[in-house]
Amino acid sequence: MMKTKDQSIFDEMFKRSLGLKFDTYDYKPSDKTNYPFVEFENTEMNFAPNKTSLKGTVYLRINVWGLQKKRKQVSDMASQLFDEAIKIKQSDGYFWALNTRSSQIRMLDDTSTNTPLKRALLELEFTLR
């Protein structure tokens, strides 16, 4: 059975994160997990039907979590993931283009734990060609 469009791009980015040797999760890991790590958050699929097929856009949110004093490390990891997203042209028979104008990386401080953290939030917009 063929993967759905959103599952295909999710899996491709997940594989690339692992290929960069990042600790990568598709769920919130335990509090005992060492920093830094990558957390794949969610996807959203917007459909755009045409005369012959169903095209659309997949939005993918990825978090890079690290210690607040390691901002450069978190930023570098996020940039590497963004660079990998740009390289994706195809996955599981789907053809993609990353919309770099609508995609972004935001660096955020997080004080929701006892340990001050730095969070890079990647919001990626992939258009099905």
C-alpha atoms as a PDB file:
ATOM      1  CA  MET A   1       0.000   0.000   0.000  1.00  0.00           C
ATOM      2  CA  MET A   2       1.317   3.442  -0.935  1.00  0.00           C
ATOM      3  CA  LYS A   3       2.073   5.914   1.847  1.00  0.00           C
ATOM      4  CA  THR A   4      -0.030   9.024   2.229  1.00  0.00           C
ATOM      5  CA  LYS A   5       1.570  12.278   1.095  1.00  0.00           C
ATOM      6  CA  ASP A   6       2.065  13.626   4.610  1.00  0.00           C
ATOM      7  CA  GLN A   7       3.459  10.309   5.903  1.00  0.00           C
ATOM      8  CA  SER A   8       5.898  10.167   2.996  1.00  0.00           C
ATOM      9  CA  ILE A   9       7.451  13.586   3.622  1.00  0.00           C
ATOM     10  CA  PHE A  10       7.403  12.990   7.406  1.00  0.00           C
ATOM     11  CA  ASP A  11       9.311   9.717   6.963  1.00  0.00           C
ATOM     12  CA  GLU A  12      11.781  11.276   4.519  1.00  0.00           C
ATOM     13  CA  MET A  13      12.659  14.122   6.894  1.00  0.00           C
ATOM     14  CA  PHE A  14      12.797  11.716   9.856  1.00  0.00           C
ATOM     15  CA  LYS A  15      15.251   9.507   7.936  1.00  0.00           C
ATOM     16  CA  ARG A  16      17.380  12.534   7.070  1.00  0.00           C
ATOM     17  CA  SER A  17      17.461  13.655  10.707  1.00  0.00           C
ATOM     18  CA  LEU A  18      18.701  10.210  11.723  1.00  0.00           C
ATOM     19  CA  GLY A  19      21.213  10.368   8.859  1.00  0.00           C
ATOM     20  CA  LEU A  20      22.630  13.525  10.436  1.00  0.00           C
ATOM     21  CA  LYS A  21      23.164  11.427  13.594  1.00  0.00           C
ATOM     22  CA  PHE A  22      20.642  13.481  15.595  1.00  0.00           C
ATOM     23  CA  ASP A  23      18.711  11.815  18.423  1.00  0.00           C
ATOM     24  CA  THR A  24      15.305  11.928  16.762  1.00  0.00           C
ATOM     25  CA  TYR A  25      11.828  11.183  18.119  1.00  0.00           C
ATOM     26  CA  ASP A  26       8.296  11.245  16.758  1.00  0.00           C
ATOM     27  CA  TYR A  27       6.934  11.745  20.283  1.00  0.00           C
ATOM     28  CA  LYS A  28       7.870  13.691  23.411  1.00  0.00           C
ATOM     29  CA  PRO A  29      10.775  11.731  24.899  1.00  0.00           C
ATOM     30  CA  SER A  30      11.150  11.164  28.633  1.00  0.00           C
ATOM     31  CA  ASP A  31      12.547  13.825  30.937  1.00  0.00           C
ATOM     32  CA  LYS A  32      15.715  11.745  31.203  1.00  0.00           C
ATOM     33  CA  THR A  33      16.557  12.222  27.509  1.00  0.00           C
ATOM     34  CA  ASN A  34      19.836  14.035  26.932  1.00  0.00           C
ATOM     35  CA  TYR A  35      19.958  17.304  25.017  1.00  0.00           C
ATOM     36  CA  PRO A  36      20.100  18.112  22.177  1.00  0.00           C
ATOM     37  CA  PHE A  37      17.412  16.125  20.375  1.00  0.00           C
ATOM     38  CA  VAL A  38      14.966  16.503  17.494  1.00  0.00           C
ATOM     39  CA  GLU A  39      11.234  16.054  17.975  1.00  0.00           C
ATOM     40  CA  PHE A  40       8.890  15.704  15.002  1.00  0.00           C
ATOM     41  CA  GLU A  41       5.681  17.386  16.055  1.00  0.00           C
ATOM     42  CA  ASN A  42       2.880  17.294  13.492  1.00  0.00           C
ATOM     43  CA  THR A  43       1.849  17.504   9.863  1.00  0.00           C
ATOM     44  CA  GLU A  44      -0.978  19.251   8.083  1.00  0.00           C
ATOM     45  CA  MET A  45      -2.155  18.459   4.552  1.00  0.00           C
ATOM     46  CA  ASN A  46      -4.023  20.968   2.391  1.00  0.00           C
ATOM     47  CA  PHE A  47      -5.431  19.579  -0.856  1.00  0.00           C
ATOM     48  CA  ALA A  48      -5.512  21.292  -4.238  1.00  0.00           C
ATOM     49  CA  PRO A  49      -7.425  19.199  -6.771  1.00  0.00           C
ATOM     50  CA  ASN A  50      -6.933  19.731 -10.491  1.00  0.00           C
ATOM     51  CA  LYS A  51      -8.401  18.011 -13.560  1.00  0.00           C
ATOM     52  CA  THR A  52      -6.189  14.922 -13.409  1.00  0.00           C
ATOM     53  CA  SER A  53      -4.922  14.511  -9.836  1.00  0.00           C
ATOM     54  CA  LEU A  54      -4.973  15.671  -6.247  1.00  0.00           C
ATOM     55  CA  LYS A  55      -2.052  17.971  -5.476  1.00  0.00           C
ATOM     56  CA  GLY A  56      -1.507  19.986  -2.339  1.00  0.00           C
ATOM     57  CA  THR A  57       0.778  21.207   0.378  1.00  0.00           C
ATOM     58  CA  VAL A  58       2.149  19.449   3.448  1.00  0.00           C
ATOM     59  CA  TYR A  59       3.184  21.500   6.472  1.00  0.00           C
ATOM     60  CA  LEU A  60       5.667  19.816   8.817  1.00  0.00           C
ATOM     61  CA  ARG A  61       6.675  21.086  12.260  1.00  0.00           C
ATOM     62  CA  ILE A  62       9.963  19.956  13.777  1.00  0.00           C
ATOM     63  CA  ASN A  63      11.510  21.010  17.095  1.00  0.00           C
ATOM     64  CA  VAL A  64      15.187  20.979  18.000  1.00  0.00           C
ATOM     65  CA  TRP A  65      15.626  21.073  21.771  1.00  0.00           C
ATOM     66  CA  GLY A  66      18.867  21.944  23.524  1.00  0.00           C
ATOM     67  CA  LEU A  67      20.291  23.660  26.571  1.00  0.00           C
ATOM     68  CA  GLN A  68      19.861  27.429  26.635  1.00  0.00           C
ATOM     69  CA  LYS A  69      23.611  27.978  26.802  1.00  0.00           C
ATOM     70  CA  LYS A  70      24.056  25.880  23.635  1.00  0.00           C
ATOM     71  CA  ARG A  71      22.169  28.179  21.263  1.00  0.00           C
ATOM     72  CA  LYS A  72      24.681  27.716  18.433  1.00  0.00           C
ATOM     73  CA  GLN A  73      24.348  23.944  18.603  1.00  0.00           C
ATOM     74  CA  VAL A  74      20.538  24.160  18.375  1.00  0.00           C
ATOM     75  CA  SER A  75      20.734  26.714  15.564  1.00  0.00           C
ATOM     76  CA  ASP A  76      23.254  24.613  13.609  1.00  0.00           C
ATOM     77  CA  MET A  77      21.074  21.505  13.910  1.00  0.00           C
ATOM     78  CA  ALA A  78      17.996  23.390  12.722  1.00  0.00           C
ATOM     79  CA  SER A  79      19.920  24.809   9.777  1.00  0.00           C
ATOM     80  CA  GLN A  80      21.156  21.352   8.808  1.00  0.00           C
ATOM     81  CA  LEU A  81      17.586  20.028   8.850  1.00  0.00           C
ATOM     82  CA  PHE A  82      16.442  22.979   6.739  1.00  0.00           C
ATOM     83  CA  ASP A  83      19.243  22.274   4.244  1.00  0.00           C
ATOM     84  CA  GLU A  84      18.093  18.643   4.046  1.00  0.00           C
ATOM     85  CA  ALA A  85      14.509  19.771   3.412  1.00  0.00           C
ATOM     86  CA  ILE A  86      15.682  21.904   0.486  1.00  0.00           C
ATOM     87  CA  LYS A  87      17.357  18.842  -1.069  1.00  0.00           C
ATOM     88  CA  ILE A  88      14.189  16.724  -1.105  1.00  0.00           C
ATOM     89  CA  LYS A  89      12.851  16.366  -4.610  1.00  0.00           C
ATOM     90  CA  GLN A  90      11.087  13.003  -4.349  1.00  0.00           C
ATOM     91  CA  SER A  91       9.856  10.463  -1.795  1.00  0.00           C
ATOM     92  CA  ASP A  92       7.795   7.323  -2.319  1.00  0.00           C
ATOM     93  CA  GLY A  93       6.762   8.354  -5.816  1.00  0.00           C
ATOM     94  CA  TYR A  94       5.726  11.892  -4.808  1.00  0.00           C
ATOM     95  CA  PHE A  95       7.576  14.905  -6.195  1.00  0.00           C
ATOM     96  CA  TRP A  96       8.195  17.823  -3.834  1.00  0.00           C
ATOM     97  CA  ALA A  97       9.402  21.405  -3.715  1.00  0.00           C
ATOM     98  CA  LEU A  98      10.130  23.161  -0.432  1.00  0.00           C
ATOM     99  CA  ASN A  99       8.573  26.619  -0.385  1.00  0.00           C
ATOM    100  CA  THR A 100      11.491  28.467   1.227  1.00  0.00           C
ATOM    101  CA  ARG A 101       9.564  31.747   1.399  1.00  0.00           C
ATOM    102  CA  SER A 102       6.849  30.191   3.558  1.00  0.00           C
ATOM    103  CA  SER A 103       9.141  27.954   5.595  1.00  0.00           C
ATOM    104  CA  GLN A 104      10.976  29.272   8.621  1.00  0.00           C
ATOM    105  CA  ILE A 105      13.166  28.584  11.625  1.00  0.00           C
ATOM    106  CA  ARG A 106      12.308  30.329  14.886  1.00  0.00           C
ATOM    107  CA  MET A 107      14.618  30.322  17.898  1.00  0.00           C
ATOM    108  CA  LEU A 108      12.717  30.352  21.184  1.00  0.00           C
ATOM    109  CA  ASP A 109      13.544  30.280  24.870  1.00  0.00           C
ATOM    110  CA  ASP A 110      11.709  27.681  26.932  1.00  0.00           C
ATOM    111  CA  THR A 111      11.458  27.914  30.698  1.00  0.00           C
ATOM    112  CA  SER A 112       8.743  25.281  31.194  1.00  0.00           C
ATOM    113  CA  THR A 113      11.254  22.933  32.860  1.00  0.00           C
ATOM    114  CA  ASN A 114      13.727  23.382  35.703  1.00  0.00           C
ATOM    115  CA  THR A 115      16.465  23.517  33.062  1.00  0.00           C
ATOM    116  CA  PRO A 116      16.353  26.588  30.797  1.00  0.00           C
ATOM    117  CA  LEU A 117      16.146  25.391  27.203  1.00  0.00           C
ATOM    118  CA  LYS A 118      16.591  26.708  23.699  1.00  0.00           C
ATOM    119  CA  ARG A 119      14.111  25.523  21.082  1.00  0.00           C
ATOM    120  CA  ALA A 120      14.384  25.851  17.325  1.00  0.00           C
ATOM    121  CA  LEU A 121      10.996  25.476  15.685  1.00  0.00           C
ATOM    122  CA  LEU A 122      11.126  24.557  11.996  1.00  0.00           C
ATOM    123  CA  GLU A 123       7.949  25.120  10.041  1.00  0.00           C
ATOM    124  CA  LEU A 124       8.374  23.579   6.615  1.00  0.00           C
ATOM    125  CA  GLU A 125       5.992  23.893   3.676  1.00  0.00           C
ATOM    126  CA  PHE A 126       6.334  21.227   0.993  1.00  0.00           C
ATOM    127  CA  THR A 127       4.369  21.591  -2.226  1.00  0.00           C
ATOM    128  CA  LEU A 128       3.437  18.472  -4.164  1.00  0.00           C
ATOM    129  CA  ARG A 129       4.416  18.936  -7.804  1.00  0.00           C
END
